[in-house]
Protein backbone atom coordinates (compact mmCIF):
# COMPACT_ATOMS: atom_id res chain seq x y z
CA UNK A 1 -0.01 0.02 0.00
CA UNK A 2 1.30 3.42 -1.15
CA UNK A 3 0.00 6.86 0.10
CA UNK A 4 0.16 9.78 -2.13
CA UNK A 5 -0.68 13.05 -0.65
CA UNK A 6 -3.06 15.21 -2.57
CA UNK A 7 -1.97 19.05 -2.31
CA UNK A 8 -3.59 22.06 -4.05
CA UNK A 9 -1.98 25.50 -3.59
CA UNK A 10 0.07 23.96 -0.78
CA UNK A 11 -3.14 22.62 1.04
CA UNK A 12 -3.76 19.23 1.77
CA UNK A 13 -7.08 17.91 0.23
CA UNK A 14 -6.94 14.36 0.34
CA UNK A 15 -4.67 11.28 0.26
CA UNK A 16 -4.45 8.76 -2.62
CA UNK A 17 -3.95 5.08 -1.51
CA UNK A 18 -2.72 2.65 -3.99
CA UNK A 19 -3.83 -0.80 -2.72
CA UNK A 20 -3.02 -2.96 -5.71
CA UNK A 21 0.62 -2.60 -6.44
CA UNK A 22 2.25 -3.98 -9.59
CA UNK A 23 5.28 -6.22 -9.69
CA UNK A 24 8.40 -4.85 -8.03
CA UNK A 25 9.81 -4.41 -11.63
CA UNK A 26 7.26 -1.66 -12.25
CA UNK A 27 6.83 0.02 -8.93
CA UNK A 28 9.13 2.78 -9.83
CA UNK A 29 7.20 3.41 -12.81
CA UNK A 30 3.95 3.32 -10.92
CA UNK A 31 5.15 5.78 -8.38
CA UNK A 32 6.34 8.27 -10.98
CA UNK A 33 2.93 8.10 -12.77
CA UNK A 34 0.94 8.46 -9.50
CA UNK A 35 3.38 11.26 -8.47
CA UNK A 36 2.68 13.20 -11.63
CA UNK A 37 -1.25 12.45 -11.36
CA UNK A 38 -1.37 13.44 -7.68
CA UNK A 39 -1.54 17.12 -8.49
CA UNK A 40 -4.17 16.77 -11.18
CA UNK A 41 -6.32 14.65 -9.09
CA UNK A 42 -5.91 17.18 -6.02
CA UNK A 43 -6.95 20.13 -8.15
CA UNK A 44 -9.95 18.18 -9.42
CA UNK A 45 -10.91 17.27 -5.76
CA UNK A 46 -10.19 20.69 -4.45
CA UNK A 47 -12.48 22.24 -7.55
CA UNK A 48 -15.09 19.64 -6.57
CA UNK A 49 -15.03 20.62 -2.93
CA UNK A 50 -14.99 24.19 -3.72
CA UNK A 51 -18.00 23.84 -6.03
CA UNK A 52 -19.89 21.97 -3.25
CA UNK A 53 -18.99 24.73 -0.60
CA UNK A 54 -20.02 27.50 -3.05
CA UNK A 55 -23.52 25.61 -3.70
CA UNK A 56 -23.85 25.39 0.13
CA UNK A 57 -22.79 28.94 0.70
CA UNK A 58 -25.31 29.88 -2.11
CA UNK A 59 -28.11 27.95 -0.60
CA UNK A 60 -27.47 29.52 2.97
CA UNK A 61 -27.24 33.01 1.39
CA UNK A 62 -30.84 32.34 -0.48
CA UNK A 63 -32.25 31.21 2.86
CA UNK A 64 -30.89 34.47 4.43
CA UNK A 65 -32.02 36.78 1.68
CA UNK A 66 -35.60 35.22 1.87
CA UNK A 67 -35.54 35.86 5.60
CA UNK A 68 -34.13 39.44 5.13
CA UNK A 69 -36.86 40.18 2.46
CA UNK A 70 -39.48 38.81 4.73
CA UNK A 71 -38.27 41.19 7.65
CA UNK A 72 -37.91 44.00 5.19
CA UNK A 73 -41.45 43.41 4.11
CA UNK A 74 -42.92 43.13 7.58
CA UNK A 75 -40.84 46.43 8.62
CA UNK A 76 -42.13 48.13 5.76
CA UNK A 77 -45.78 47.35 6.50
CA UNK A 78 -45.33 48.55 9.94
CA UNK A 79 -43.71 51.91 8.89
CA UNK A 80 -46.41 52.35 6.25
CA UNK A 81 -49.00 51.90 9.16
CA UNK A 82 -47.11 54.25 11.39
CA UNK A 83 -47.03 56.82 8.54
CA UNK A 84 -50.62 56.63 7.99
CA UNK A 85 -51.46 57.08 11.81
CA UNK A 86 -48.88 59.85 12.00
CA UNK A 87 -50.40 61.63 8.98
CA UNK A 88 -53.75 61.30 10.38
CA UNK A 89 -52.63 62.57 13.76
CA UNK A 90 -50.98 65.45 12.07
CA UNK A 91 -54.12 66.31 10.08
CA UNK A 92 -56.34 66.21 13.14
CA UNK A 93 -53.88 68.52 15.03
CA UNK A 94 -53.86 71.06 12.29
CA UNK A 95 -57.60 70.96 12.11
CA UNK A 96 -57.62 71.49 15.90
CA UNK A 97 -55.32 74.32 15.92
CA UNK A 98 -56.87 75.95 12.95
CA UNK A 99 -60.19 75.64 14.73
CA UNK A 100 -58.64 77.08 17.86
CA UNK A 101 -57.38 80.22 15.90
CA UNK A 102 -60.94 80.66 14.14
CA UNK A 103 -62.72 80.54 17.56
CA UNK A 104 -60.18 82.88 19.13
CA UNK A 105 -60.64 85.35 16.44
CA UNK A 106 -64.46 84.99 16.66
CA UNK A 107 -64.31 85.48 20.45
CA UNK A 108 -62.11 88.59 20.15
CA UNK A 109 -64.82 89.93 17.66
CA UNK A 110 -67.59 89.19 20.30
CA UNK A 111 -65.64 91.13 22.83
CA UNK A 112 -65.09 93.91 20.54
CA UNK A 113 -68.97 94.14 19.76
CA UNK A 114 -69.96 93.93 23.33
CA UNK A 115 -67.36 96.82 24.15
CA UNK A 116 -69.06 98.88 21.34
CA UNK A 117 -72.42 98.27 22.66
CA UNK A 118 -71.80 99.16 25.95
CA UNK A 119 -69.93 102.37 24.70
CA UNK A 120 -73.06 103.33 22.75
CA UNK A 121 -74.94 103.80 26.04
CA UNK A 122 -72.61 106.70 26.67
CA UNK A 123 -72.60 108.68 23.39
CA UNK A 124 -71.62 111.75 25.09
CA UNK A 125 -68.89 110.44 27.20
CA UNK A 126 -65.59 111.17 25.25
CA UNK A 127 -63.10 109.27 27.70
CA UNK A 128 -65.26 106.11 27.40
CA UNK A 129 -65.55 106.44 23.61
CA UNK A 130 -61.62 106.94 23.39
CA UNK A 131 -61.11 103.94 25.79
CA UNK A 132 -63.28 101.62 23.78
CA UNK A 133 -61.69 102.79 20.51
CA UNK A 134 -58.16 102.11 21.42
CA UNK A 135 -59.14 98.82 23.20
CA UNK A 136 -60.94 97.68 20.05
CA UNK A 137 -57.78 98.61 18.05
CA UNK A 138 -55.68 96.21 20.48
CA UNK A 139 -58.21 93.52 20.04
CA UNK A 140 -58.23 93.76 16.11
CA UNK A 141 -54.25 93.64 16.13
CA UNK A 142 -54.28 90.49 18.11
CA UNK A 143 -57.58 89.07 16.12
CA UNK A 144 -55.75 89.66 12.69
CA UNK A 145 -52.99 87.42 13.75
CA UNK A 146 -55.21 84.47 14.35
CA UNK A 147 -57.22 85.36 11.16
CA UNK A 148 -53.98 85.14 9.09
CA UNK A 149 -52.84 81.96 10.85
CA UNK A 150 -56.14 80.17 10.14
CA UNK A 151 -55.85 81.16 6.50
CA UNK A 152 -52.14 80.13 6.41
CA UNK A 153 -50.31 76.84 5.51
CA UNK A 154 -48.02 77.65 8.49
CA UNK A 155 -49.72 77.10 11.78
CA UNK A 156 -47.14 79.33 13.81
CA UNK A 157 -45.86 82.16 11.47
CA UNK A 158 -47.44 84.87 9.21
CA UNK A 159 -45.87 87.23 6.65
CA UNK A 160 -45.05 90.27 8.72
CA UNK A 161 -45.16 92.37 5.64
CA UNK A 162 -48.96 91.57 4.92
CA UNK A 163 -49.70 91.51 8.66
CA UNK A 164 -48.52 95.31 9.12
CA UNK A 165 -50.02 96.35 5.97
CA UNK A 166 -53.45 94.83 6.85
CA UNK A 167 -53.14 96.30 10.41
CA UNK A 168 -52.67 99.72 9.23
CA UNK A 169 -55.80 99.30 6.98
CA UNK A 170 -57.62 98.38 10.16
CA UNK A 171 -56.44 101.15 12.23
CA UNK A 172 -57.29 103.77 9.30
CA UNK A 173 -60.79 102.46 8.98
CA UNK A 174 -61.31 102.53 12.84
CA UNK A 175 -60.25 105.98 13.16
CA UNK A 176 -62.03 107.51 10.13
CA UNK A 177 -61.94 111.25 9.85
CA UNK A 178 -59.24 111.41 12.78
CA UNK A 179 -56.59 110.07 10.49
CA UNK A 180 -57.16 113.18 8.16
CA UNK A 181 -54.69 113.15 5.30
CA UNK A 182 -51.98 110.89 6.92
CA UNK A 183 -49.92 108.83 4.48
CA UNK A 184 -47.58 105.73 5.07
CA UNK A 185 -44.32 104.80 3.73
CA UNK A 186 -43.26 101.03 4.70
CA UNK A 187 -40.26 99.36 4.28
CA UNK A 188 -40.83 95.90 5.84
CA UNK A 189 -38.88 92.77 5.45
CA UNK A 190 -40.50 89.81 3.63
CA UNK A 191 -39.98 87.41 6.38
CA UNK A 192 -42.60 85.08 8.20
CA UNK A 193 -42.89 85.97 12.09
CA UNK A 194 -43.95 83.76 14.84
CA UNK A 195 -47.27 84.73 16.53
CA UNK A 196 -45.39 85.20 19.67
CA UNK A 197 -43.41 88.20 18.00
CA UNK A 198 -46.11 89.33 15.61
CA UNK A 199 -48.63 89.96 18.33
CA UNK A 200 -46.46 92.24 20.64
CA UNK A 201 -45.20 93.96 17.58
CA UNK A 202 -48.85 94.61 16.30
CA UNK A 203 -49.78 95.92 19.67
CA UNK A 204 -46.78 98.27 19.61
CA UNK A 205 -47.59 99.59 16.04
CA UNK A 206 -51.21 100.16 17.22
CA UNK A 207 -50.35 102.37 19.95
CA UNK A 208 -47.94 104.34 18.08
CA UNK A 209 -50.22 104.86 15.00
CA UNK A 210 -53.05 105.82 17.42
CA UNK A 211 -50.84 108.30 19.24
CA UNK A 212 -49.69 109.89 16.20
CA UNK A 213 -53.40 110.23 14.72
CA UNK A 214 -54.32 111.91 18.01
CA UNK A 215 -51.46 114.15 18.91
CA UNK A 216 -49.04 114.51 15.93
CA UNK A 217 -51.25 116.79 13.70
CA UNK A 218 -53.47 119.09 15.69
CA UNK A 219 -53.97 121.41 12.67
CA UNK A 220 -55.68 118.70 10.78
CA UNK A 221 -53.74 119.05 7.65
CA UNK A 222 -52.43 115.52 7.99
CA UNK A 223 -48.86 114.34 7.83
CA UNK A 224 -46.70 111.38 7.09
CA UNK A 225 -45.75 108.11 8.98
CA UNK A 226 -42.65 105.98 8.04
CA UNK A 227 -42.15 102.53 9.31
CA UNK A 228 -39.24 100.17 8.80
CA UNK A 229 -38.62 96.83 9.97
CA UNK A 230 -35.45 94.65 9.21
CA UNK A 231 -33.33 92.09 10.54
CA UNK A 232 -29.36 92.29 10.16
CA UNK A 233 -26.46 90.01 9.91
CA UNK A 234 -26.19 90.04 13.87
CA UNK A 235 -29.44 88.25 14.42
CA UNK A 236 -30.89 91.55 15.51
CA UNK A 237 -34.21 93.12 14.37
CA UNK A 238 -34.44 96.79 14.16
CA UNK A 239 -38.00 98.72 13.85
CA UNK A 240 -38.01 102.40 13.12
CA UNK A 241 -41.30 104.28 13.50
CA UNK A 242 -41.42 108.03 12.75
CA UNK A 243 -44.02 110.81 11.99
CA UNK A 244 -43.45 114.47 10.80
CA UNK A 245 -45.84 115.84 13.49
CA UNK A 246 -45.27 118.29 16.04
CA UNK A 247 -42.99 116.31 18.20
CA UNK A 248 -42.81 116.39 21.98
CA UNK A 249 -40.58 118.62 24.40
CA UNK A 250 -37.19 117.48 24.99
CA UNK A 251 -37.73 116.51 28.73
CA UNK A 252 -40.84 114.67 27.76
CA UNK A 253 -41.14 111.34 29.71
CA UNK A 254 -42.84 108.73 27.71
CA UNK A 255 -43.02 106.17 30.56
CA UNK A 256 -44.98 108.70 32.75
CA UNK A 257 -47.70 108.95 30.20
CA UNK A 258 -51.10 107.13 29.98
CA UNK A 259 -50.29 103.58 31.61
CA UNK A 260 -52.18 101.63 28.86
CA UNK A 261 -50.57 103.76 25.98
CA UNK A 262 -46.97 104.60 25.73
CA UNK A 263 -45.96 102.78 28.76
CA UNK A 264 -47.58 99.60 27.43
CA UNK A 265 -45.38 100.08 24.42
CA UNK A 266 -42.13 100.19 26.63
CA UNK A 267 -43.29 97.06 28.61
CA UNK A 268 -44.01 95.04 25.39
CA UNK A 269 -40.78 95.89 24.03
CA UNK A 270 -38.69 95.14 27.05
CA UNK A 271 -40.63 92.03 28.59
CA UNK A 272 -42.17 90.33 25.49
CA UNK A 273 -39.74 91.14 22.51
CA UNK A 274 -36.74 91.20 25.00
CA UNK A 275 -35.54 94.41 23.39
CA UNK A 276 -34.95 98.07 24.03
CA UNK A 277 -36.49 101.10 22.62
CA UNK A 278 -35.37 104.74 22.10
CA UNK A 279 -37.66 107.92 21.67
CA UNK A 280 -36.70 111.08 19.83
CA UNK A 281 -39.19 113.82 19.90
CA UNK A 282 -37.46 116.40 17.89
CA UNK A 283 -38.86 117.13 14.41
CA UNK A 284 -41.71 114.76 15.05
CA UNK A 285 -41.63 111.43 16.70
CA UNK A 286 -39.05 108.80 16.09
CA UNK A 287 -38.99 105.55 18.15
CA UNK A 288 -36.22 102.94 17.33
CA UNK A 289 -36.47 99.56 18.57
CA UNK A 290 -33.94 96.71 18.50
CA UNK A 291 -34.96 93.09 19.51
CA UNK A 292 -33.59 89.72 18.92
CA UNK A 293 -34.28 88.23 15.55
CA UNK A 294 -35.80 85.21 17.01
CA UNK A 295 -37.04 85.97 20.52
CA UNK A 296 -39.11 82.69 20.68
CA UNK A 297 -38.98 79.27 19.23
CA UNK A 298 -41.68 77.69 17.04
CA UNK A 299 -43.63 75.18 19.09
CA UNK A 300 -45.95 73.90 16.20
């Protein structure tokens, strides 16, 4: 019995055993032949083993692929169901928020109507009429924000340029003959503002415009109001309000005036917009306000 190791690429893949040996005279020849045949047999055996191994691996891979496809399909089904539920939840949330804005606006209009009905009982009481008028202006400034949010695709921001333009229109209608021939120049950035910023800004402008209507042009000849609002590269927003009215004395203290008027303006700027304002009463009224570009974060 003679053993011939079968090697392929220096790897032992088997052993060839020759049991039936020829006569002693031919054994060298047989060994030589088998020595030459062993690498060929080893290569064939190695290829056969490799093919078998590849087929086994391919079968295992096919099974794993099937399991993976099944898991992906199950996960996809779960994600699709989750997305449907999420979309439905978001749709319901948007509907509820819009309804809240709509009801808030309607409630404010009801409050405004009640105030006017109450004021109608005192037609000759000028202080009452003025109080109702300015209170109604403030209500309209807040109500307008909710009206725009209700009609907007964005549930937390409104285009500030459109808001200020519409707000001025409401104030002009409210004051009627009192506005006289007052014109406006607006330079307002075209950027959406959160309602947390838009509402206090609208209240400030309402107070300033109303103050101009009442005190800036006593001769009734009218005048001009300029409003600019723009954010700079330093994340700061600057609003400049000015009129060309009679102005105020140099030592005039705005904070000591009507507590629901100019004092309200100062409080809103400092406490709600987290900014600072500077009054200048020479050659008309000029009020410069600076506050952070994003004093609040979006919650919707």
